[in-house]
């Protein structure tokens, strides 16, 4: 059953965050992932949300593939590069 990795990210250091993006570019696809949506919040409809927050949703064929992506050595290296560049919250949703 499909699974989704949903990330909400507030970037504090764009240059450093770009290194993270470069490090994981194309990685989700190696685990069967496909981008569903990626971008800045267009409008806050309800709740306390940082207006500079970005949202990324990636669809995977199953939860195991999503977890394998997030625990891969390459993702972990990217995550280390992201440290101090952004506040990221990552969630797994299973359809």
PDB file of N, CA and C in Angstrom:
ATOM      1  N   UNK A   1       0.838  -1.166   0.000  1.00  0.00           N
ATOM      2  CA  UNK A   1       0.000   0.000   0.000  1.00  0.00           C
ATOM      3  C   UNK A   1       0.888   1.235   0.000  1.00  0.00           C
ATOM      4  N   UNK A   2       0.512   2.266  -0.768  1.00  0.00           N
ATOM      5  CA  UNK A   2       1.349   3.457  -0.908  1.00  0.00           C
ATOM      6  C   UNK A   2       1.624   4.147   0.431  1.00  0.00           C
ATOM      7  N   UNK A   3       2.776   4.765   0.503  1.00  0.00           N
ATOM      8  CA  UNK A   3       3.178   5.522   1.681  1.00  0.00           C
ATOM      9  C   UNK A   3       3.724   6.868   1.223  1.00  0.00           C
ATOM     10  N   UNK A   4       3.586   7.851   2.078  1.00  0.00           N
ATOM     11  CA  UNK A   4       4.014   9.201   1.751  1.00  0.00           C
ATOM     12  C   UNK A   4       4.942   9.731   2.831  1.00  0.00           C
ATOM     13  N   UNK A   5       6.031  10.322   2.416  1.00  0.00           N
ATOM     14  CA  UNK A   5       6.888  11.055   3.327  1.00  0.00           C
ATOM     15  C   UNK A   5       6.498  12.515   3.163  1.00  0.00           C
ATOM     16  N   UNK A   6       6.074  13.120   4.264  1.00  0.00           N
ATOM     17  CA  UNK A   6       5.647  14.517   4.259  1.00  0.00           C
ATOM     18  C   UNK A   6       6.631  15.290   5.127  1.00  0.00           C
ATOM     19  N   UNK A   7       7.285  16.260   4.514  1.00  0.00           N
ATOM     20  CA  UNK A   7       8.256  17.080   5.232  1.00  0.00           C
ATOM     21  C   UNK A   7       7.774  18.523   5.244  1.00  0.00           C
ATOM     22  N   UNK A   8       7.845  19.138   6.407  1.00  0.00           N
ATOM     23  CA  UNK A   8       7.639  20.580   6.513  1.00  0.00           C
ATOM     24  C   UNK A   8       8.966  21.161   6.968  1.00  0.00           C
ATOM     25  N   UNK A   9       9.406  22.176   6.257  1.00  0.00           N
ATOM     26  CA  UNK A   9      10.759  22.685   6.450  1.00  0.00           C
ATOM     27  C   UNK A   9      10.749  24.207   6.494  1.00  0.00           C
ATOM     28  N   UNK A  10      11.438  24.752   7.492  1.00  0.00           N
ATOM     29  CA  UNK A  10      11.679  26.185   7.551  1.00  0.00           C
ATOM     30  C   UNK A  10      13.184  26.379   7.427  1.00  0.00           C
ATOM     31  N   UNK A  11      13.590  27.010   6.349  1.00  0.00           N
ATOM     32  CA  UNK A  11      15.011  27.165   6.030  1.00  0.00           C
ATOM     33  C   UNK A  11      15.562  28.425   6.700  1.00  0.00           C
ATOM     34  N   UNK A  12      16.681  28.262   7.416  1.00  0.00           N
ATOM     35  CA  UNK A  12      17.324  29.399   8.076  1.00  0.00           C
ATOM     36  C   UNK A  12      18.641  29.789   7.398  1.00  0.00           C
ATOM     37  N   UNK A  13      19.236  28.847   6.663  1.00  0.00           N
ATOM     38  CA  UNK A  13      20.498  29.115   5.961  1.00  0.00           C
ATOM     39  C   UNK A  13      20.382  28.527   4.554  1.00  0.00           C
ATOM     40  N   UNK A  14      19.898  29.324   3.593  1.00  0.00           N
ATOM     41  CA  UNK A  14      19.655  28.800   2.243  1.00  0.00           C
ATOM     42  C   UNK A  14      20.880  28.193   1.569  1.00  0.00           C
ATOM     43  N   UNK A  15      22.045  28.773   1.766  1.00  0.00           N
ATOM     44  CA  UNK A  15      23.249  28.248   1.129  1.00  0.00           C
ATOM     45  C   UNK A  15      23.589  26.859   1.667  1.00  0.00           C
ATOM     46  N   UNK A  16      23.543  26.716   2.966  1.00  0.00           N
ATOM     47  CA  UNK A  16      23.830  25.423   3.589  1.00  0.00           C
ATOM     48  C   UNK A  16      22.743  24.413   3.226  1.00  0.00           C
ATOM     49  N   UNK A  17      21.491  24.860   3.165  1.00  0.00           N
ATOM     50  CA  UNK A  17      20.392  23.970   2.807  1.00  0.00           C
ATOM     51  C   UNK A  17      20.545  23.478   1.365  1.00  0.00           C
ATOM     52  N   UNK A  18      21.098  24.302   0.492  1.00  0.00           N
ATOM     53  CA  UNK A  18      21.315  23.896  -0.902  1.00  0.00           C
ATOM     54  C   UNK A  18      22.268  22.705  -0.983  1.00  0.00           C
ATOM     55  N   UNK A  19      23.241  22.630  -0.078  1.00  0.00           N
ATOM     56  CA  UNK A  19      24.165  21.486  -0.056  1.00  0.00           C
ATOM     57  C   UNK A  19      23.416  20.206   0.287  1.00  0.00           C
ATOM     58  N   UNK A  20      22.465  20.303   1.200  1.00  0.00           N
ATOM     59  CA  UNK A  20      21.609  19.154   1.542  1.00  0.00           C
ATOM     60  C   UNK A  20      20.818  18.720   0.307  1.00  0.00           C
ATOM     61  N   UNK A  21      20.200  19.681  -0.364  1.00  0.00           N
ATOM     62  CA  UNK A  21      19.406  19.364  -1.554  1.00  0.00           C
ATOM     63  C   UNK A  21      20.239  18.681  -2.625  1.00  0.00           C
ATOM     64  N   UNK A  22      21.443  19.176  -2.832  1.00  0.00           N
ATOM     65  CA  UNK A  22      22.332  18.570  -3.829  1.00  0.00           C
ATOM     66  C   UNK A  22      22.725  17.151  -3.431  1.00  0.00           C
ATOM     67  N   UNK A  23      22.924  16.929  -2.134  1.00  0.00           N
ATOM     68  CA  UNK A  23      23.358  15.612  -1.645  1.00  0.00           C
ATOM     69  C   UNK A  23      22.291  14.540  -1.820  1.00  0.00           C
ATOM     70  N   UNK A  24      21.016  14.916  -1.736  1.00  0.00           N
ATOM     71  CA  UNK A  24      19.958  13.897  -1.837  1.00  0.00           C
ATOM     72  C   UNK A  24      19.210  13.941  -3.167  1.00  0.00           C
ATOM     73  N   UNK A  25      19.628  14.802  -4.080  1.00  0.00           N
ATOM     74  CA  UNK A  25      18.946  14.923  -5.375  1.00  0.00           C
ATOM     75  C   UNK A  25      18.865  13.563  -6.076  1.00  0.00           C
ATOM     76  N   UNK A  26      17.654  13.179  -6.450  1.00  0.00           N
ATOM     77  CA  UNK A  26      17.430  11.918  -7.159  1.00  0.00           C
ATOM     78  C   UNK A  26      17.390  10.688  -6.269  1.00  0.00           C
ATOM     79  N   UNK A  27      17.644  10.839  -4.988  1.00  0.00           N
ATOM     80  CA  UNK A  27      17.714   9.685  -4.088  1.00  0.00           C
ATOM     81  C   UNK A  27      16.359   9.020  -3.889  1.00  0.00           C
ATOM     82  N   UNK A  28      15.307   9.789  -3.687  1.00  0.00           N
ATOM     83  CA  UNK A  28      13.978   9.200  -3.460  1.00  0.00           C
ATOM     84  C   UNK A  28      13.587   8.287  -4.613  1.00  0.00           C
ATOM     85  N   UNK A  29      13.909   8.694  -5.832  1.00  0.00           N
ATOM     86  CA  UNK A  29      13.568   7.878  -7.009  1.00  0.00           C
ATOM     87  C   UNK A  29      14.264   6.517  -6.979  1.00  0.00           C
ATOM     88  N   UNK A  30      15.431   6.448  -6.393  1.00  0.00           N
ATOM     89  CA  UNK A  30      16.147   5.171  -6.275  1.00  0.00           C
ATOM     90  C   UNK A  30      15.386   4.180  -5.393  1.00  0.00           C
ATOM     91  N   UNK A  31      14.498   4.687  -4.563  1.00  0.00           N
ATOM     92  CA  UNK A  31      13.691   3.848  -3.678  1.00  0.00           C
ATOM     93  C   UNK A  31      12.234   3.787  -4.133  1.00  0.00           C
ATOM     94  N   UNK A  32      11.986   4.181  -5.371  1.00  0.00           N
ATOM     95  CA  UNK A  32      10.633   4.148  -5.924  1.00  0.00           C
ATOM     96  C   UNK A  32       9.814   5.380  -5.605  1.00  0.00           C
ATOM     97  N   UNK A  33      10.430   6.407  -5.057  1.00  0.00           N
ATOM     98  CA  UNK A  33       9.716   7.619  -4.682  1.00  0.00           C
ATOM     99  C   UNK A  33       9.427   8.520  -5.866  1.00  0.00           C
ATOM    100  N   UNK A  34       8.325   9.244  -5.762  1.00  0.00           N
ATOM    101  CA  UNK A  34       7.948  10.225  -6.780  1.00  0.00           C
ATOM    102  C   UNK A  34       7.419  11.466  -6.071  1.00  0.00           C
ATOM    103  N   UNK A  35       7.864  12.609  -6.525  1.00  0.00           N
ATOM    104  CA  UNK A  35       7.425  13.866  -5.922  1.00  0.00           C
ATOM    105  C   UNK A  35       5.950  14.109  -6.226  1.00  0.00           C
ATOM    106  N   UNK A  36       5.184  14.410  -5.193  1.00  0.00           N
ATOM    107  CA  UNK A  36       3.765  14.736  -5.345  1.00  0.00           C
ATOM    108  C   UNK A  36       3.614  16.250  -5.379  1.00  0.00           C
ATOM    109  N   UNK A  37       4.237  16.920  -4.426  1.00  0.00           N
ATOM    110  CA  UNK A  37       4.194  18.380  -4.357  1.00  0.00           C
ATOM    111  C   UNK A  37       5.403  18.860  -3.579  1.00  0.00           C
ATOM    112  N   UNK A  38       5.860  20.039  -3.946  1.00  0.00           N
ATOM    113  CA  UNK A  38       7.022  20.618  -3.287  1.00  0.00           C
ATOM    114  C   UNK A  38       6.932  22.122  -3.481  1.00  0.00           C
ATOM    115  N   UNK A  39       6.896  22.855  -2.381  1.00  0.00           N
ATOM    116  CA  UNK A  39       6.859  24.302  -2.530  1.00  0.00           C
ATOM    117  C   UNK A  39       6.528  25.031  -1.246  1.00  0.00           C
ATOM    118  N   UNK A  40       6.482  26.336  -1.376  1.00  0.00           N
ATOM    119  CA  UNK A  40       6.183  27.196  -0.243  1.00  0.00           C
ATOM    120  C   UNK A  40       4.686  27.170   0.048  1.00  0.00           C
ATOM    121  N   UNK A  41       4.354  27.429   1.300  1.00  0.00           N
ATOM    122  CA  UNK A  41       2.948  27.538   1.691  1.00  0.00           C
ATOM    123  C   UNK A  41       2.372  28.755   0.971  1.00  0.00           C
ATOM    124  N   UNK A  42       1.290  28.541   0.224  1.00  0.00           N
ATOM    125  CA  UNK A  42       0.676  29.628  -0.539  1.00  0.00           C
ATOM    126  C   UNK A  42      -0.244  30.473   0.324  1.00  0.00           C
ATOM    127  N   UNK A  43      -0.920  29.810   1.250  1.00  0.00           N
ATOM    128  CA  UNK A  43      -1.890  30.510   2.088  1.00  0.00           C
ATOM    129  C   UNK A  43      -2.124  29.687   3.344  1.00  0.00           C
ATOM    130  N   UNK A  44      -2.149  30.348   4.483  1.00  0.00           N
ATOM    131  CA  UNK A  44      -2.438  29.667   5.744  1.00  0.00           C
ATOM    132  C   UNK A  44      -3.941  29.734   5.960  1.00  0.00           C
ATOM    133  N   UNK A  45      -4.568  28.577   6.006  1.00  0.00           N
ATOM    134  CA  UNK A  45      -6.018  28.519   6.144  1.00  0.00           C
ATOM    135  C   UNK A  45      -6.472  28.343   7.586  1.00  0.00           C
ATOM    136  N   UNK A  46      -5.602  27.709   8.384  1.00  0.00           N
ATOM    137  CA  UNK A  46      -5.976  27.473   9.778  1.00  0.00           C
ATOM    138  C   UNK A  46      -4.730  27.113  10.568  1.00  0.00           C
ATOM    139  N   UNK A  47      -4.661  27.568  11.805  1.00  0.00           N
ATOM    140  CA  UNK A  47      -3.582  27.175  12.694  1.00  0.00           C
ATOM    141  C   UNK A  47      -2.386  28.112  12.641  1.00  0.00           C
ATOM    142  N   UNK A  48      -1.413  27.785  13.482  1.00  0.00           N
ATOM    143  CA  UNK A  48      -0.198  28.575  13.627  1.00  0.00           C
ATOM    144  C   UNK A  48       0.887  27.951  12.750  1.00  0.00           C
ATOM    145  N   UNK A  49       1.094  28.517  11.585  1.00  0.00           N
ATOM    146  CA  UNK A  49       2.054  27.989  10.617  1.00  0.00           C
ATOM    147  C   UNK A  49       3.033  29.090  10.249  1.00  0.00           C
ATOM    148  N   UNK A  50       4.301  28.742  10.183  1.00  0.00           N
ATOM    149  CA  UNK A  50       5.317  29.701   9.747  1.00  0.00           C
ATOM    150  C   UNK A  50       5.053  30.029   8.275  1.00  0.00           C
ATOM    151  N   UNK A  51       4.865  31.291   7.937  1.00  0.00           N
ATOM    152  CA  UNK A  51       4.571  31.646   6.545  1.00  0.00           C
ATOM    153  C   UNK A  51       5.720  31.355   5.585  1.00  0.00           C
ATOM    154  N   UNK A  52       6.916  31.110   6.110  1.00  0.00           N
ATOM    155  CA  UNK A  52       8.071  30.776   5.266  1.00  0.00           C
ATOM    156  C   UNK A  52       8.287  29.279   5.116  1.00  0.00           C
ATOM    157  N   UNK A  53       7.402  28.500   5.690  1.00  0.00           N
ATOM    158  CA  UNK A  53       7.524  27.039   5.648  1.00  0.00           C
ATOM    159  C   UNK A  53       7.370  26.511   4.223  1.00  0.00           C
ATOM    160  N   UNK A  54       8.123  25.472   3.934  1.00  0.00           N
ATOM    161  CA  UNK A  54       8.000  24.757   2.662  1.00  0.00           C
ATOM    162  C   UNK A  54       7.486  23.359   2.976  1.00  0.00           C
ATOM    163  N   UNK A  55       6.744  22.786   2.041  1.00  0.00           N
ATOM    164  CA  UNK A  55       6.177  21.454   2.228  1.00  0.00           C
ATOM    165  C   UNK A  55       6.622  20.580   1.058  1.00  0.00           C
ATOM    166  N   UNK A  56       7.059  19.360   1.397  1.00  0.00           N
ATOM    167  CA  UNK A  56       7.475  18.393   0.388  1.00  0.00           C
ATOM    168  C   UNK A  56       6.743  17.088   0.672  1.00  0.00           C
ATOM    169  N   UNK A  57       6.048  16.567  -0.335  1.00  0.00           N
ATOM    170  CA  UNK A  57       5.348  15.288  -0.218  1.00  0.00           C
ATOM    171  C   UNK A  57       5.900  14.367  -1.294  1.00  0.00           C
ATOM    172  N   UNK A  58       6.392  13.201  -0.864  1.00  0.00           N
ATOM    173  CA  UNK A  58       6.947  12.210  -1.777  1.00  0.00           C
ATOM    174  C   UNK A  58       6.196  10.896  -1.589  1.00  0.00           C
ATOM    175  N   UNK A  59       5.712  10.326  -2.692  1.00  0.00           N
ATOM    176  CA  UNK A  59       4.960   9.066  -2.656  1.00  0.00           C
ATOM    177  C   UNK A  59       5.919   7.909  -2.915  1.00  0.00           C
ATOM    178  N   UNK A  60       5.806   6.865  -2.090  1.00  0.00           N
ATOM    179  CA  UNK A  60       6.586   5.641  -2.242  1.00  0.00           C
ATOM    180  C   UNK A  60       5.625   4.476  -2.437  1.00  0.00           C
ATOM    181  N   UNK A  61       6.093   3.393  -3.041  1.00  0.00           N
ATOM    182  CA  UNK A  61       5.197   2.251  -3.262  1.00  0.00           C
ATOM    183  C   UNK A  61       4.701   1.608  -1.967  1.00  0.00           C
ATOM    184  N   UNK A  62       5.499   1.734  -0.899  1.00  0.00           N
ATOM    185  CA  UNK A  62       5.132   1.133   0.386  1.00  0.00           C
ATOM    186  C   UNK A  62       5.973   1.765   1.494  1.00  0.00           C
ATOM    187  N   UNK A  63       5.587   1.487   2.727  1.00  0.00           N
ATOM    188  CA  UNK A  63       6.276   2.068   3.881  1.00  0.00           C
ATOM    189  C   UNK A  63       7.729   1.602   3.968  1.00  0.00           C
ATOM    190  N   UNK A  64       7.981   0.361   3.582  1.00  0.00           N
ATOM    191  CA  UNK A  64       9.344  -0.158   3.656  1.00  0.00           C
ATOM    192  C   UNK A  64      10.280   0.634   2.752  1.00  0.00           C
ATOM    193  N   UNK A  65       9.815   0.993   1.559  1.00  0.00           N
ATOM    194  CA  UNK A  65      10.633   1.785   0.634  1.00  0.00           C
ATOM    195  C   UNK A  65      10.893   3.174   1.198  1.00  0.00           C
ATOM    196  N   UNK A  66       9.869   3.771   1.800  1.00  0.00           N
ATOM    197  CA  UNK A  66      10.029   5.099   2.400  1.00  0.00           C
ATOM    198  C   UNK A  66      11.035   5.049   3.539  1.00  0.00           C
ATOM    199  N   UNK A  67      10.921   4.035   4.373  1.00  0.00           N
ATOM    200  CA  UNK A  67      11.858   3.906   5.501  1.00  0.00           C
ATOM    201  C   UNK A  67      13.283   3.640   5.003  1.00  0.00           C
ATOM    202  N   UNK A  68      13.410   2.832   3.955  1.00  0.00           N
ATOM    203  CA  UNK A  68      14.735   2.536   3.400  1.00  0.00           C
ATOM    204  C   UNK A  68      15.387   3.810   2.865  1.00  0.00           C
ATOM    205  N   UNK A  69      14.594   4.672   2.247  1.00  0.00           N
ATOM    206  CA  UNK A  69      15.088   5.960   1.767  1.00  0.00           C
ATOM    207  C   UNK A  69      15.611   6.794   2.934  1.00  0.00           C
ATOM    208  N   UNK A  70      14.800   6.921   3.980  1.00  0.00           N
ATOM    209  CA  UNK A  70      15.160   7.777   5.112  1.00  0.00           C
ATOM    210  C   UNK A  70      16.323   7.239   5.943  1.00  0.00           C
ATOM    211  N   UNK A  71      16.547   5.948   5.895  1.00  0.00           N
ATOM    212  CA  UNK A  71      17.637   5.367   6.678  1.00  0.00           C
ATOM    213  C   UNK A  71      18.880   5.080   5.835  1.00  0.00           C
ATOM    214  N   UNK A  72      18.810   5.393   4.542  1.00  0.00           N
ATOM    215  CA  UNK A  72      19.960   5.129   3.667  1.00  0.00           C
ATOM    216  C   UNK A  72      21.153   5.992   4.090  1.00  0.00           C
ATOM    217  N   UNK A  73      22.335   5.494   3.814  1.00  0.00           N
ATOM    218  CA  UNK A  73      23.559   6.230   4.160  1.00  0.00           C
ATOM    219  C   UNK A  73      23.582   7.594   3.482  1.00  0.00           C
ATOM    220  N   UNK A  74      23.145   7.653   2.230  1.00  0.00           N
ATOM    221  CA  UNK A  74      23.185   8.914   1.491  1.00  0.00           C
ATOM    222  C   UNK A  74      22.219   9.935   2.101  1.00  0.00           C
ATOM    223  N   UNK A  75      21.034   9.491   2.489  1.00  0.00           N
ATOM    224  CA  UNK A  75      20.095  10.422   3.132  1.00  0.00           C
ATOM    225  C   UNK A  75      20.656  10.896   4.469  1.00  0.00           C
ATOM    226  N   UNK A  76      21.219   9.991   5.232  1.00  0.00           N
ATOM    227  CA  UNK A  76      21.777  10.349   6.536  1.00  0.00           C
ATOM    228  C   UNK A  76      22.908  11.380   6.378  1.00  0.00           C
ATOM    229  N   UNK A  77      23.712  11.220   5.326  1.00  0.00           N
ATOM    230  CA  UNK A  77      24.761  12.206   5.054  1.00  0.00           C
ATOM    231  C   UNK A  77      24.125  13.565   4.737  1.00  0.00           C
ATOM    232  N   UNK A  78      23.087  13.564   3.906  1.00  0.00           N
ATOM    233  CA  UNK A  78      22.380  14.798   3.587  1.00  0.00           C
ATOM    234  C   UNK A  78      21.777  15.431   4.823  1.00  0.00           C
ATOM    235  N   UNK A  79      21.211  14.601   5.665  1.00  0.00           N
ATOM    236  CA  UNK A  79      20.616  15.094   6.910  1.00  0.00           C
ATOM    237  C   UNK A  79      21.661  15.799   7.765  1.00  0.00           C
ATOM    238  N   UNK A  80      22.868  15.255   7.813  1.00  0.00           N
ATOM    239  CA  UNK A  80      23.961  15.901   8.548  1.00  0.00           C
ATOM    240  C   UNK A  80      24.271  17.274   7.956  1.00  0.00           C
ATOM    241  N   UNK A  81      24.240  17.383   6.622  1.00  0.00           N
ATOM    242  CA  UNK A  81      24.497  18.661   5.958  1.00  0.00           C
ATOM    243  C   UNK A  81      23.393  19.677   6.255  1.00  0.00           C
ATOM    244  N   UNK A  82      22.176  19.185   6.459  1.00  0.00           N
ATOM    245  CA  UNK A  82      21.020  20.051   6.725  1.00  0.00           C
ATOM    246  C   UNK A  82      21.062  20.641   8.139  1.00  0.00           C
ATOM    247  N   UNK A  83      21.792  19.991   9.028  1.00  0.00           N
ATOM    248  CA  UNK A  83      21.866  20.431  10.426  1.00  0.00           C
ATOM    249  C   UNK A  83      22.280  21.896  10.511  1.00  0.00           C
ATOM    250  N   UNK A  84      21.476  22.689  11.197  1.00  0.00           N
ATOM    251  CA  UNK A  84      21.761  24.102  11.351  1.00  0.00           C
ATOM    252  C   UNK A  84      21.302  24.958  10.180  1.00  0.00           C
ATOM    253  N   UNK A  85      20.780  24.329   9.134  1.00  0.00           N
ATOM    254  CA  UNK A  85      20.324  25.070   7.952  1.00  0.00           C
ATOM    255  C   UNK A  85      18.809  25.165   7.878  1.00  0.00           C
ATOM    256  N   UNK A  86      18.123  24.278   8.604  1.00  0.00           N
ATOM    257  CA  UNK A  86      16.661  24.253   8.525  1.00  0.00           C
ATOM    258  C   UNK A  86      16.082  23.481   9.694  1.00  0.00           C
ATOM    259  N   UNK A  87      14.848  23.835  10.013  1.00  0.00           N
ATOM    260  CA  UNK A  87      14.059  23.068  10.964  1.00  0.00           C
ATOM    261  C   UNK A  87      13.151  22.178  10.129  1.00  0.00           C
ATOM    262  N   UNK A  88      13.361  20.880  10.194  1.00  0.00           N
ATOM    263  CA  UNK A  88      12.596  19.944   9.364  1.00  0.00           C
ATOM    264  C   UNK A  88      11.798  18.988  10.245  1.00  0.00           C
ATOM    265  N   UNK A  89      10.582  18.750   9.846  1.00  0.00           N
ATOM    266  CA  UNK A  89       9.721  17.759  10.508  1.00  0.00           C
ATOM    267  C   UNK A  89       9.284  16.782   9.437  1.00  0.00           C
ATOM    268  N   UNK A  90       9.601  15.513   9.662  1.00  0.00           N
ATOM    269  CA  UNK A  90       9.368  14.479   8.661  1.00  0.00           C
ATOM    270  C   UNK A  90       8.345  13.500   9.198  1.00  0.00           C
ATOM    271  N   UNK A  91       7.340  13.187   8.375  1.00  0.00           N
ATOM    272  CA  UNK A  91       6.268  12.274   8.779  1.00  0.00           C
ATOM    273  C   UNK A  91       6.099  11.185   7.735  1.00  0.00           C
ATOM    274  N   UNK A  92       5.638  10.034   8.172  1.00  0.00           N
ATOM    275  CA  UNK A  92       5.287   8.934   7.274  1.00  0.00           C
ATOM    276  C   UNK A  92       3.785   8.711   7.358  1.00  0.00           C
ATOM    277  N   UNK A  93       3.127   8.774   6.211  1.00  0.00           N
ATOM    278  CA  UNK A  93       1.688   8.487   6.136  1.00  0.00           C
ATOM    279  C   UNK A  93       1.515   7.257   5.265  1.00  0.00           C
ATOM    280  N   UNK A  94       0.633   6.374   5.676  1.00  0.00           N
ATOM    281  CA  UNK A  94       0.365   5.151   4.905  1.00  0.00           C
ATOM    282  C   UNK A  94      -1.062   5.197   4.421  1.00  0.00           C
ATOM    283  N   UNK A  95      -1.210   5.039   3.113  1.00  0.00           N
ATOM    284  CA  UNK A  95      -2.515   5.142   2.477  1.00  0.00           C
ATOM    285  C   UNK A  95      -3.312   3.863   2.668  1.00  0.00           C
TER     286      UNK A  95
END
